[in-house]
C-alpha atoms as a PDB file:
ATOM      1  CA  UNK A   1      -5.173   1.114  10.182  1.00  0.00           C
ATOM      2  CA  UNK A   2      -2.218   1.844  12.365  1.00  0.00           C
ATOM      3  CA  UNK A   3       0.502   4.206  11.258  1.00  0.00           C
ATOM      4  CA  UNK A   4       2.962   1.768  12.938  1.00  0.00           C
ATOM      5  CA  UNK A   5       2.080  -1.042  10.642  1.00  0.00           C
ATOM      6  CA  UNK A   6       5.405  -2.495   9.485  1.00  0.00           C
ATOM      7  CA  UNK A   7       4.154  -5.269   7.195  1.00  0.00           C
ATOM      8  CA  UNK A   8       5.718  -4.909   3.732  1.00  0.00           C
ATOM      9  CA  UNK A   9       3.375  -5.145   0.784  1.00  0.00           C
ATOM     10  CA  UNK A  10       4.561  -6.021  -2.738  1.00  0.00           C
ATOM     11  CA  UNK A  11       2.345  -3.083  -3.922  1.00  0.00           C
ATOM     12  CA  UNK A  12       2.621  -0.388  -1.272  1.00  0.00           C
ATOM     13  CA  UNK A  13      -0.333   1.492  -2.935  1.00  0.00           C
ATOM     14  CA  UNK A  14      -2.527  -1.394  -1.876  1.00  0.00           C
ATOM     15  CA  UNK A  15      -2.220  -0.670   1.844  1.00  0.00           C
ATOM     16  CA  UNK A  16      -5.615   1.020   2.246  1.00  0.00           C
ATOM     17  CA  UNK A  17      -7.405  -1.810   0.377  1.00  0.00           C
ATOM     18  CA  UNK A  18      -5.624  -4.456   2.443  1.00  0.00           C
ATOM     19  CA  UNK A  19      -6.602  -2.653   5.625  1.00  0.00           C
ATOM     20  CA  UNK A  20     -10.259  -2.599   4.513  1.00  0.00           C
ATOM     21  CA  UNK A  21      -9.961  -6.302   3.562  1.00  0.00           C
ATOM     22  CA  UNK A  22      -8.638  -7.079   7.007  1.00  0.00           C
ATOM     23  CA  UNK A  23     -11.492  -5.169   8.690  1.00  0.00           C
ATOM     24  CA  UNK A  24     -14.032  -7.048   6.546  1.00  0.00           C
ATOM     25  CA  UNK A  25     -12.462 -10.414   7.506  1.00  0.00           C
ATOM     26  CA  UNK A  26     -12.518  -9.505  11.136  1.00  0.00           C
ATOM     27  CA  UNK A  27     -16.209  -8.421  10.921  1.00  0.00           C
ATOM     28  CA  UNK A  28     -17.066 -11.713   9.205  1.00  0.00           C
ATOM     29  CA  UNK A  29     -15.377 -13.607  12.071  1.00  0.00           C
ATOM     30  CA  UNK A  30     -16.941 -11.503  14.849  1.00  0.00           C
ATOM     31  CA  UNK A  31     -13.568 -10.187  15.965  1.00  0.00           C
ATOM     32  CA  UNK A  32     -13.529  -6.659  17.304  1.00  0.00           C
ATOM     33  CA  UNK A  33     -10.671  -5.344  15.238  1.00  0.00           C
ATOM     34  CA  UNK A  34     -10.312  -1.601  15.380  1.00  0.00           C
ATOM     35  CA  UNK A  35      -8.099   1.083  13.839  1.00  0.00           C
ATOM     36  CA  UNK A  36      -4.887   1.514  15.744  1.00  0.00           C
ATOM     37  CA  UNK A  37      -3.734  -0.733  18.599  1.00  0.00           C
ATOM     38  CA  UNK A  38      -5.224  -4.290  18.722  1.00  0.00           C
ATOM     39  CA  UNK A  39      -2.819  -5.836  21.214  1.00  0.00           C
ATOM     40  CA  UNK A  40      -5.808  -6.889  23.315  1.00  0.00           C
ATOM     41  CA  UNK A  41      -6.793  -9.470  20.778  1.00  0.00           C
ATOM     42  CA  UNK A  42      -6.077 -13.100  21.631  1.00  0.00           C
ATOM     43  CA  UNK A  43      -3.706 -15.123  19.334  1.00  0.00           C
ATOM     44  CA  UNK A  44      -6.743 -17.130  18.329  1.00  0.00           C
ATOM     45  CA  UNK A  45      -8.733 -14.047  17.268  1.00  0.00           C
ATOM     46  CA  UNK A  46      -5.820 -12.565  15.330  1.00  0.00           C
ATOM     47  CA  UNK A  47      -5.188 -15.907  13.676  1.00  0.00           C
ATOM     48  CA  UNK A  48      -8.783 -16.347  12.648  1.00  0.00           C
ATOM     49  CA  UNK A  49      -8.663 -12.966  10.892  1.00  0.00           C
ATOM     50  CA  UNK A  50      -5.635 -14.000   8.908  1.00  0.00           C
ATOM     51  CA  UNK A  51      -7.132 -17.411   8.126  1.00  0.00           C
ATOM     52  CA  UNK A  52     -10.394 -15.732   6.913  1.00  0.00           C
ATOM     53  CA  UNK A  53      -8.284 -13.431   4.634  1.00  0.00           C
ATOM     54  CA  UNK A  54      -6.528 -16.373   3.063  1.00  0.00           C
ATOM     55  CA  UNK A  55      -9.789 -18.258   2.593  1.00  0.00           C
ATOM     56  CA  UNK A  56     -11.345 -15.246   0.791  1.00  0.00           C
ATOM     57  CA  UNK A  57      -8.219 -14.858  -1.412  1.00  0.00           C
ATOM     58  CA  UNK A  58      -8.388 -18.498  -2.398  1.00  0.00           C
ATOM     59  CA  UNK A  59     -12.074 -18.295  -3.157  1.00  0.00           C
ATOM     60  CA  UNK A  60     -11.451 -15.229  -5.321  1.00  0.00           C
ATOM     61  CA  UNK A  61      -8.643 -17.077  -7.232  1.00  0.00           C
ATOM     62  CA  UNK A  62     -10.868 -20.150  -7.724  1.00  0.00           C
ATOM     63  CA  UNK A  63     -13.696 -18.034  -9.155  1.00  0.00           C
ATOM     64  CA  UNK A  64     -11.195 -16.642 -11.670  1.00  0.00           C
ATOM     65  CA  UNK A  65     -10.211 -20.055 -12.966  1.00  0.00           C
END
């Protein structure tokens, strides 16, 4: 993703995996997320990607129960 990404991860080594996860979630939602600048996305599109990521994390956790 972008070299300017300032989000802090608890495990910094996970950045590449989280970027791939974000791209996968965007693809699932039909959002045209790309490497680098994505300021042209609407708030709704950006929010749907984050929501999809949370949904997938919860599903993964539930499967592990």
